[in-house]
Amino acid sequence: MTNTKALSIFNQLRPVTVGFDNAFDHFERMFDTDFLSTMPSFPHYNIVKTADNQYNVEIALAGYSKKDIEIELKEGVLTVKSVKSKEEKEVEDNNGVLHQGIAKRYFSKAFTIADDVEVKGAELKDGLLKISMERIIPEHRKAKTINIK
């Protein structure tokens, strides 16, 4: 699908939706900047639906510890990135390593999270970072039958 065709689909949906302007703007920015072809592939990740309204983002981070990773949720964007500890910044020498075949790559990975999705927590175990989320549906958005008078 070409960018022009994708944009025309979004523009055709605008007249039949209410309150989704920011979502359409987000998708248009993605296609304008050739977002999909410039997406970094590291680190590898899964998005898993674990129940009707529950999701996990699983990110493969072998060799990283809790102090090496920062997770931030800001304005609907969940960002996971690696950070250098103060010790690493101060000690930039080889530290006795004769050959370094395992290098820590610095990364930043961002996920757009819907307004009704709440991040419940994160766990790093056996090289897998698991971020748990739940879609919270408020009463006014749940299906209901309207009685006719």
N, C-alpha and C. Protein backbone atom coordinates (compact mmCIF):
# COMPACT_ATOMS: atom_id res chain seq x y z
N MET A 1 0.85 -1.18 0.00
CA MET A 1 0.00 0.00 0.00
C MET A 1 0.89 1.23 0.00
N THR A 2 0.63 2.15 -0.90
CA THR A 2 1.43 3.37 -0.95
C THR A 2 0.97 4.34 0.13
N ASN A 3 1.84 5.30 0.43
CA ASN A 3 1.52 6.30 1.45
C ASN A 3 0.28 7.10 1.06
N THR A 4 0.16 7.45 -0.21
CA THR A 4 -0.99 8.23 -0.66
C THR A 4 -2.29 7.46 -0.44
N LYS A 5 -2.28 6.18 -0.75
CA LYS A 5 -3.47 5.37 -0.57
C LYS A 5 -3.84 5.25 0.90
N ALA A 6 -2.85 5.05 1.76
CA ALA A 6 -3.11 4.95 3.20
C ALA A 6 -3.69 6.26 3.73
N LEU A 7 -3.14 7.38 3.31
CA LEU A 7 -3.64 8.68 3.77
C LEU A 7 -5.07 8.90 3.31
N SER A 8 -5.41 8.47 2.10
CA SER A 8 -6.77 8.67 1.63
C SER A 8 -7.76 7.84 2.44
N ILE A 9 -7.34 6.67 2.93
CA ILE A 9 -8.21 5.86 3.79
C ILE A 9 -8.50 6.62 5.07
N PHE A 10 -7.46 7.19 5.69
CA PHE A 10 -7.66 7.95 6.93
C PHE A 10 -8.57 9.15 6.69
N ASN A 11 -8.35 9.84 5.57
CA ASN A 11 -9.17 11.02 5.28
C ASN A 11 -10.62 10.64 5.01
N GLN A 12 -10.87 9.45 4.45
CA GLN A 12 -12.25 9.01 4.23
C GLN A 12 -12.94 8.67 5.54
N LEU A 13 -12.18 8.26 6.54
CA LEU A 13 -12.77 7.93 7.84
C LEU A 13 -13.09 9.15 8.69
N ARG A 14 -12.43 10.26 8.47
CA ARG A 14 -12.64 11.46 9.29
C ARG A 14 -14.10 11.92 9.35
N PRO A 15 -14.83 11.93 8.23
CA PRO A 15 -16.21 12.45 8.30
C PRO A 15 -17.17 11.56 9.11
N VAL A 16 -16.81 10.32 9.38
CA VAL A 16 -17.73 9.43 10.09
C VAL A 16 -17.24 9.10 11.50
N THR A 17 -16.30 9.90 12.01
CA THR A 17 -15.80 9.69 13.37
C THR A 17 -15.84 11.00 14.14
N VAL A 18 -15.87 10.88 15.45
CA VAL A 18 -15.88 12.06 16.30
C VAL A 18 -14.81 11.87 17.37
N GLY A 19 -13.94 12.86 17.53
CA GLY A 19 -12.95 12.83 18.59
C GLY A 19 -11.71 12.02 18.29
N PHE A 20 -11.49 11.60 17.06
CA PHE A 20 -10.32 10.80 16.72
C PHE A 20 -9.28 11.58 15.91
N ASP A 21 -9.41 12.90 15.87
CA ASP A 21 -8.50 13.71 15.07
C ASP A 21 -7.04 13.44 15.42
N ASN A 22 -6.73 13.36 16.73
CA ASN A 22 -5.33 13.15 17.10
C ASN A 22 -4.83 11.78 16.63
N ALA A 23 -5.68 10.78 16.59
CA ALA A 23 -5.27 9.45 16.09
C ALA A 23 -4.96 9.52 14.60
N PHE A 24 -5.82 10.18 13.83
CA PHE A 24 -5.57 10.31 12.40
C PHE A 24 -4.31 11.13 12.14
N ASP A 25 -4.11 12.19 12.92
CA ASP A 25 -2.90 13.00 12.77
C ASP A 25 -1.66 12.17 13.05
N HIS A 26 -1.74 11.30 14.06
CA HIS A 26 -0.61 10.43 14.40
C HIS A 26 -0.28 9.50 13.22
N PHE A 27 -1.29 8.88 12.63
CA PHE A 27 -1.05 7.98 11.50
C PHE A 27 -0.51 8.74 10.29
N GLU A 28 -1.01 9.93 10.05
CA GLU A 28 -0.50 10.72 8.92
C GLU A 28 0.97 11.06 9.11
N ARG A 29 1.37 11.42 10.35
CA ARG A 29 2.78 11.70 10.62
C ARG A 29 3.63 10.46 10.37
N MET A 30 3.10 9.30 10.74
CA MET A 30 3.84 8.06 10.53
C MET A 30 4.14 7.86 9.05
N PHE A 31 3.14 8.08 8.20
CA PHE A 31 3.33 7.86 6.77
C PHE A 31 4.12 8.98 6.12
N ASP A 32 3.97 10.21 6.62
CA ASP A 32 4.72 11.33 6.06
C ASP A 32 6.22 11.17 6.27
N THR A 33 6.63 10.63 7.41
CA THR A 33 8.06 10.53 7.73
C THR A 33 8.63 9.17 7.36
N ASP A 34 7.88 8.37 6.64
CA ASP A 34 8.32 7.03 6.26
C ASP A 34 8.69 6.23 7.50
N PHE A 35 7.83 6.34 8.50
CA PHE A 35 8.00 5.76 9.83
C PHE A 35 8.31 4.28 9.80
N LEU A 36 7.58 3.51 9.01
CA LEU A 36 7.72 2.06 9.04
C LEU A 36 9.07 1.58 8.53
N SER A 37 9.65 2.26 7.56
CA SER A 37 10.94 1.80 7.03
C SER A 37 12.11 2.25 7.89
N THR A 38 11.91 3.26 8.75
CA THR A 38 13.01 3.74 9.59
C THR A 38 12.90 3.24 11.02
N MET A 39 11.95 2.34 11.31
CA MET A 39 11.79 1.82 12.66
C MET A 39 12.98 0.96 13.04
N PRO A 40 13.61 1.25 14.19
CA PRO A 40 14.74 0.41 14.59
C PRO A 40 14.25 -1.00 14.95
N SER A 41 15.07 -1.99 14.62
CA SER A 41 14.65 -3.37 14.89
C SER A 41 15.13 -3.87 16.24
N PHE A 42 15.99 -3.11 16.91
CA PHE A 42 16.51 -3.53 18.21
C PHE A 42 15.91 -2.66 19.30
N PRO A 43 15.51 -3.22 20.38
CA PRO A 43 15.47 -4.64 20.72
C PRO A 43 14.21 -5.29 20.15
N HIS A 44 14.25 -6.60 20.03
CA HIS A 44 13.11 -7.35 19.52
C HIS A 44 12.02 -7.40 20.59
N TYR A 45 10.77 -7.42 20.15
CA TYR A 45 9.67 -7.38 21.11
C TYR A 45 8.46 -8.13 20.60
N ASN A 46 7.57 -8.47 21.54
CA ASN A 46 6.25 -9.04 21.24
C ASN A 46 5.21 -8.18 21.91
N ILE A 47 4.04 -8.08 21.30
CA ILE A 47 2.87 -7.51 21.96
C ILE A 47 1.88 -8.65 22.06
N VAL A 48 1.52 -9.00 23.30
CA VAL A 48 0.72 -10.19 23.56
C VAL A 48 -0.58 -9.79 24.24
N LYS A 49 -1.70 -10.28 23.68
CA LYS A 49 -3.00 -10.08 24.32
C LYS A 49 -3.21 -11.27 25.25
N THR A 50 -3.23 -11.04 26.56
CA THR A 50 -3.31 -12.12 27.54
C THR A 50 -4.72 -12.40 28.01
N ALA A 51 -5.63 -11.45 27.82
CA ALA A 51 -7.05 -11.61 28.17
C ALA A 51 -7.81 -10.58 27.35
N ASP A 52 -9.14 -10.52 27.52
CA ASP A 52 -9.95 -9.59 26.71
C ASP A 52 -9.42 -8.16 26.75
N ASN A 53 -9.03 -7.69 27.92
CA ASN A 53 -8.59 -6.30 28.05
C ASN A 53 -7.21 -6.19 28.67
N GLN A 54 -6.38 -7.22 28.54
CA GLN A 54 -5.06 -7.19 29.13
C GLN A 54 -4.00 -7.50 28.08
N TYR A 55 -2.89 -6.77 28.17
CA TYR A 55 -1.83 -6.87 27.18
C TYR A 55 -0.48 -6.87 27.88
N ASN A 56 0.50 -7.48 27.25
CA ASN A 56 1.89 -7.40 27.69
C ASN A 56 2.74 -6.99 26.51
N VAL A 57 3.67 -6.10 26.77
CA VAL A 57 4.73 -5.83 25.81
C VAL A 57 5.94 -6.54 26.38
N GLU A 58 6.50 -7.46 25.61
CA GLU A 58 7.66 -8.24 26.04
C GLU A 58 8.84 -7.83 25.17
N ILE A 59 9.92 -7.39 25.84
CA ILE A 59 11.09 -6.91 25.11
C ILE A 59 12.31 -7.74 25.52
N ALA A 60 13.00 -8.30 24.55
CA ALA A 60 14.18 -9.12 24.80
C ALA A 60 15.37 -8.22 25.14
N LEU A 61 15.82 -8.31 26.40
CA LEU A 61 16.92 -7.46 26.86
C LEU A 61 17.97 -8.27 27.62
N ALA A 62 18.44 -9.33 27.01
CA ALA A 62 19.47 -10.16 27.64
C ALA A 62 20.70 -9.31 27.92
N GLY A 63 21.24 -9.44 29.13
CA GLY A 63 22.45 -8.71 29.51
C GLY A 63 22.18 -7.36 30.14
N TYR A 64 20.94 -6.92 30.15
CA TYR A 64 20.59 -5.64 30.78
C TYR A 64 20.06 -5.91 32.18
N SER A 65 20.30 -4.97 33.09
CA SER A 65 19.74 -5.07 34.43
C SER A 65 18.73 -3.93 34.61
N LYS A 66 18.05 -3.94 35.74
CA LYS A 66 17.03 -2.91 36.00
C LYS A 66 17.63 -1.51 35.93
N LYS A 67 18.85 -1.35 36.41
CA LYS A 67 19.47 -0.02 36.42
C LYS A 67 19.85 0.47 35.02
N ASP A 68 19.86 -0.44 34.03
CA ASP A 68 20.21 -0.08 32.66
C ASP A 68 19.01 0.38 31.83
N ILE A 69 17.81 0.27 32.40
CA ILE A 69 16.59 0.50 31.62
C ILE A 69 15.72 1.56 32.28
N GLU A 70 15.15 2.41 31.46
CA GLU A 70 14.20 3.43 31.94
C GLU A 70 12.90 3.29 31.16
N ILE A 71 11.78 3.31 31.87
CA ILE A 71 10.46 3.22 31.23
C ILE A 71 9.69 4.48 31.59
N GLU A 72 9.14 5.15 30.58
CA GLU A 72 8.41 6.39 30.82
C GLU A 72 7.09 6.35 30.03
N LEU A 73 6.03 6.80 30.66
CA LEU A 73 4.74 6.98 29.99
C LEU A 73 4.42 8.46 30.04
N LYS A 74 4.34 9.06 28.85
CA LYS A 74 4.08 10.50 28.78
C LYS A 74 3.20 10.78 27.58
N GLU A 75 2.06 11.40 27.82
CA GLU A 75 1.14 11.83 26.76
C GLU A 75 0.81 10.69 25.80
N GLY A 76 0.53 9.51 26.36
CA GLY A 76 0.10 8.38 25.55
C GLY A 76 1.20 7.63 24.84
N VAL A 77 2.45 7.94 25.13
CA VAL A 77 3.57 7.24 24.51
C VAL A 77 4.38 6.56 25.61
N LEU A 78 4.50 5.24 25.50
CA LEU A 78 5.30 4.44 26.42
C LEU A 78 6.68 4.28 25.79
N THR A 79 7.70 4.79 26.46
CA THR A 79 9.06 4.74 25.93
C THR A 79 9.93 3.87 26.84
N VAL A 80 10.61 2.93 26.24
CA VAL A 80 11.56 2.08 26.95
C VAL A 80 12.92 2.38 26.34
N LYS A 81 13.89 2.75 27.19
CA LYS A 81 15.21 3.06 26.66
C LYS A 81 16.29 2.62 27.63
N SER A 82 17.47 2.43 27.07
CA SER A 82 18.62 2.07 27.89
C SER A 82 19.27 3.36 28.38
N VAL A 83 19.87 3.28 29.56
CA VAL A 83 20.56 4.43 30.14
C VAL A 83 21.91 3.97 30.66
N LYS A 84 22.86 4.87 30.69
CA LYS A 84 24.17 4.58 31.27
C LYS A 84 24.11 4.94 32.75
N SER A 85 24.59 4.03 33.59
CA SER A 85 24.67 4.33 35.02
C SER A 85 25.86 5.26 35.25
N LYS A 86 25.90 5.91 36.40
CA LYS A 86 27.02 6.81 36.72
C LYS A 86 28.34 6.06 36.71
N GLU A 87 28.31 4.81 37.17
CA GLU A 87 29.54 4.02 37.19
C GLU A 87 30.05 3.79 35.77
N GLU A 88 29.14 3.51 34.83
CA GLU A 88 29.55 3.26 33.45
C GLU A 88 30.11 4.54 32.82
N LYS A 89 29.55 5.69 33.16
CA LYS A 89 30.04 6.94 32.60
C LYS A 89 31.44 7.26 33.12
N GLU A 90 31.69 6.93 34.39
CA GLU A 90 32.98 7.22 34.99
C GLU A 90 34.06 6.23 34.53
N VAL A 91 33.68 4.96 34.34
CA VAL A 91 34.63 3.92 33.96
C VAL A 91 34.38 3.52 32.52
N GLU A 92 34.99 4.23 31.59
CA GLU A 92 34.79 3.95 30.17
C GLU A 92 35.94 3.11 29.60
N ASP A 93 36.80 2.56 30.47
CA ASP A 93 37.90 1.74 29.96
C ASP A 93 37.43 0.29 29.79
N ASN A 94 38.34 -0.59 29.40
CA ASN A 94 37.99 -1.98 29.12
C ASN A 94 37.72 -2.79 30.37
N ASN A 95 38.17 -2.32 31.52
CA ASN A 95 37.92 -3.02 32.78
C ASN A 95 38.43 -4.46 32.74
N GLY A 96 39.58 -4.69 32.10
CA GLY A 96 40.17 -6.02 32.06
C GLY A 96 39.66 -6.91 30.94
N VAL A 97 38.74 -6.44 30.13
CA VAL A 97 38.18 -7.26 29.05
C VAL A 97 39.17 -7.28 27.88
N LEU A 98 39.58 -8.49 27.48
CA LEU A 98 40.52 -8.62 26.36
C LEU A 98 39.83 -8.62 25.01
N HIS A 99 38.63 -9.15 24.97
CA HIS A 99 37.82 -9.15 23.74
C HIS A 99 36.38 -8.87 24.13
N GLN A 100 35.77 -7.88 23.50
CA GLN A 100 34.39 -7.55 23.82
C GLN A 100 33.51 -7.88 22.63
N GLY A 101 32.92 -9.08 22.67
CA GLY A 101 32.00 -9.52 21.63
C GLY A 101 30.56 -9.27 22.01
N ILE A 102 30.33 -9.03 23.28
CA ILE A 102 28.98 -8.72 23.76
C ILE A 102 28.97 -7.25 24.14
N ALA A 103 28.40 -6.44 23.29
CA ALA A 103 28.34 -5.01 23.55
C ALA A 103 26.93 -4.62 23.96
N LYS A 104 26.86 -3.66 24.86
CA LYS A 104 25.54 -3.13 25.22
C LYS A 104 25.17 -2.08 24.19
N ARG A 105 24.09 -2.32 23.53
CA ARG A 105 23.60 -1.36 22.55
C ARG A 105 22.65 -0.42 23.27
N TYR A 106 22.74 0.84 22.96
CA TYR A 106 21.82 1.80 23.54
C TYR A 106 20.65 1.97 22.58
N PHE A 107 19.46 2.01 23.14
CA PHE A 107 18.26 1.99 22.32
C PHE A 107 17.17 2.84 22.95
N SER A 108 16.18 3.12 22.15
CA SER A 108 14.95 3.76 22.61
C SER A 108 13.83 3.19 21.75
N LYS A 109 12.82 2.63 22.39
CA LYS A 109 11.68 2.03 21.67
C LYS A 109 10.43 2.67 22.24
N ALA A 110 9.54 3.15 21.37
CA ALA A 110 8.33 3.84 21.80
C ALA A 110 7.09 3.13 21.27
N PHE A 111 6.06 3.09 22.11
CA PHE A 111 4.77 2.49 21.76
C PHE A 111 3.68 3.52 22.06
N THR A 112 2.76 3.70 21.13
CA THR A 112 1.62 4.58 21.38
C THR A 112 0.55 3.78 22.10
N ILE A 113 0.11 4.31 23.24
CA ILE A 113 -0.84 3.62 24.11
C ILE A 113 -2.17 4.38 24.06
N ALA A 114 -3.27 3.66 23.90
CA ALA A 114 -4.60 4.28 23.86
C ALA A 114 -4.90 4.96 25.19
N ASP A 115 -5.77 5.96 25.15
CA ASP A 115 -6.12 6.71 26.35
C ASP A 115 -6.73 5.84 27.44
N ASP A 116 -7.42 4.77 27.05
CA ASP A 116 -8.09 3.93 28.05
C ASP A 116 -7.25 2.73 28.48
N VAL A 117 -5.95 2.73 28.14
CA VAL A 117 -5.05 1.65 28.56
C VAL A 117 -4.18 2.17 29.69
N GLU A 118 -4.12 1.38 30.76
CA GLU A 118 -3.36 1.75 31.95
C GLU A 118 -2.18 0.79 32.10
N VAL A 119 -0.99 1.34 32.33
CA VAL A 119 0.19 0.51 32.56
C VAL A 119 0.14 0.05 34.01
N LYS A 120 0.14 -1.26 34.21
CA LYS A 120 0.01 -1.84 35.55
C LYS A 120 1.35 -2.10 36.22
N GLY A 121 2.41 -2.35 35.45
CA GLY A 121 3.71 -2.61 36.04
C GLY A 121 4.67 -3.19 35.03
N ALA A 122 5.92 -3.38 35.49
CA ALA A 122 6.95 -3.93 34.62
C ALA A 122 7.83 -4.87 35.44
N GLU A 123 8.32 -5.92 34.77
CA GLU A 123 9.18 -6.90 35.42
C GLU A 123 10.27 -7.33 34.45
N LEU A 124 11.51 -7.39 34.94
CA LEU A 124 12.63 -7.88 34.15
C LEU A 124 13.05 -9.22 34.75
N LYS A 125 12.88 -10.29 33.96
CA LYS A 125 13.20 -11.63 34.45
C LYS A 125 13.79 -12.45 33.30
N ASP A 126 14.93 -13.06 33.54
CA ASP A 126 15.59 -13.92 32.55
C ASP A 126 15.78 -13.24 31.20
N GLY A 127 16.14 -11.97 31.22
CA GLY A 127 16.42 -11.25 29.99
C GLY A 127 15.21 -10.78 29.22
N LEU A 128 14.02 -10.91 29.83
CA LEU A 128 12.79 -10.49 29.17
C LEU A 128 12.11 -9.42 30.03
N LEU A 129 11.96 -8.22 29.48
CA LEU A 129 11.23 -7.15 30.15
C LEU A 129 9.76 -7.29 29.77
N LYS A 130 8.91 -7.43 30.77
CA LYS A 130 7.48 -7.58 30.52
C LYS A 130 6.76 -6.38 31.14
N ILE A 131 6.07 -5.61 30.29
CA ILE A 131 5.29 -4.46 30.74
C ILE A 131 3.82 -4.84 30.61
N SER A 132 3.12 -4.88 31.75
CA SER A 132 1.72 -5.30 31.78
C SER A 132 0.80 -4.09 31.68
N MET A 133 -0.23 -4.23 30.86
CA MET A 133 -1.19 -3.15 30.65
C MET A 133 -2.60 -3.70 30.67
N GLU A 134 -3.55 -2.83 30.99
CA GLU A 134 -4.95 -3.23 31.00
C GLU A 134 -5.79 -2.10 30.42
N ARG A 135 -6.71 -2.49 29.56
CA ARG A 135 -7.65 -1.53 29.00
C ARG A 135 -8.80 -1.39 29.98
N ILE A 136 -8.99 -0.19 30.49
CA ILE A 136 -10.04 0.11 31.47
C ILE A 136 -11.19 0.76 30.71
N ILE A 137 -12.32 0.07 30.67
CA ILE A 137 -13.47 0.61 29.96
C ILE A 137 -14.41 1.25 30.98
N PRO A 138 -14.57 2.56 30.93
CA PRO A 138 -15.47 3.23 31.88
C PRO A 138 -16.93 2.85 31.59
N GLU A 139 -17.75 2.96 32.59
CA GLU A 139 -19.17 2.59 32.47
C GLU A 139 -19.85 3.27 31.28
N HIS A 140 -19.56 4.54 31.06
CA HIS A 140 -20.23 5.28 29.98
C HIS A 140 -19.82 4.79 28.59
N ARG A 141 -18.77 3.96 28.50
CA ARG A 141 -18.34 3.44 27.19
C ARG A 141 -18.75 1.98 26.97
N LYS A 142 -19.27 1.36 28.00
CA LYS A 142 -19.71 -0.03 27.86
C LYS A 142 -21.03 -0.07 27.10
N ALA A 143 -21.26 -1.17 26.39
CA ALA A 143 -22.49 -1.33 25.62
C ALA A 143 -23.71 -1.32 26.54
N LYS A 144 -24.75 -0.65 26.09
CA LYS A 144 -26.00 -0.65 26.84
C LYS A 144 -27.16 -0.55 25.87
N THR A 145 -28.28 -1.07 26.29
CA THR A 145 -29.49 -1.03 25.48
C THR A 145 -30.27 0.24 25.81
N ILE A 146 -30.70 0.92 24.78
CA ILE A 146 -31.47 2.14 24.95
C ILE A 146 -32.96 1.80 24.79
N ASN A 147 -33.74 2.10 25.81
CA ASN A 147 -35.18 1.84 25.75
C ASN A 147 -35.86 2.90 24.90
N ILE A 148 -36.81 2.46 24.09
CA ILE A 148 -37.57 3.38 23.23
C ILE A 148 -38.87 3.70 23.96
N LYS A 149 -39.20 4.99 24.03
CA LYS A 149 -40.45 5.42 24.70
C LYS A 149 -41.58 5.50 23.73
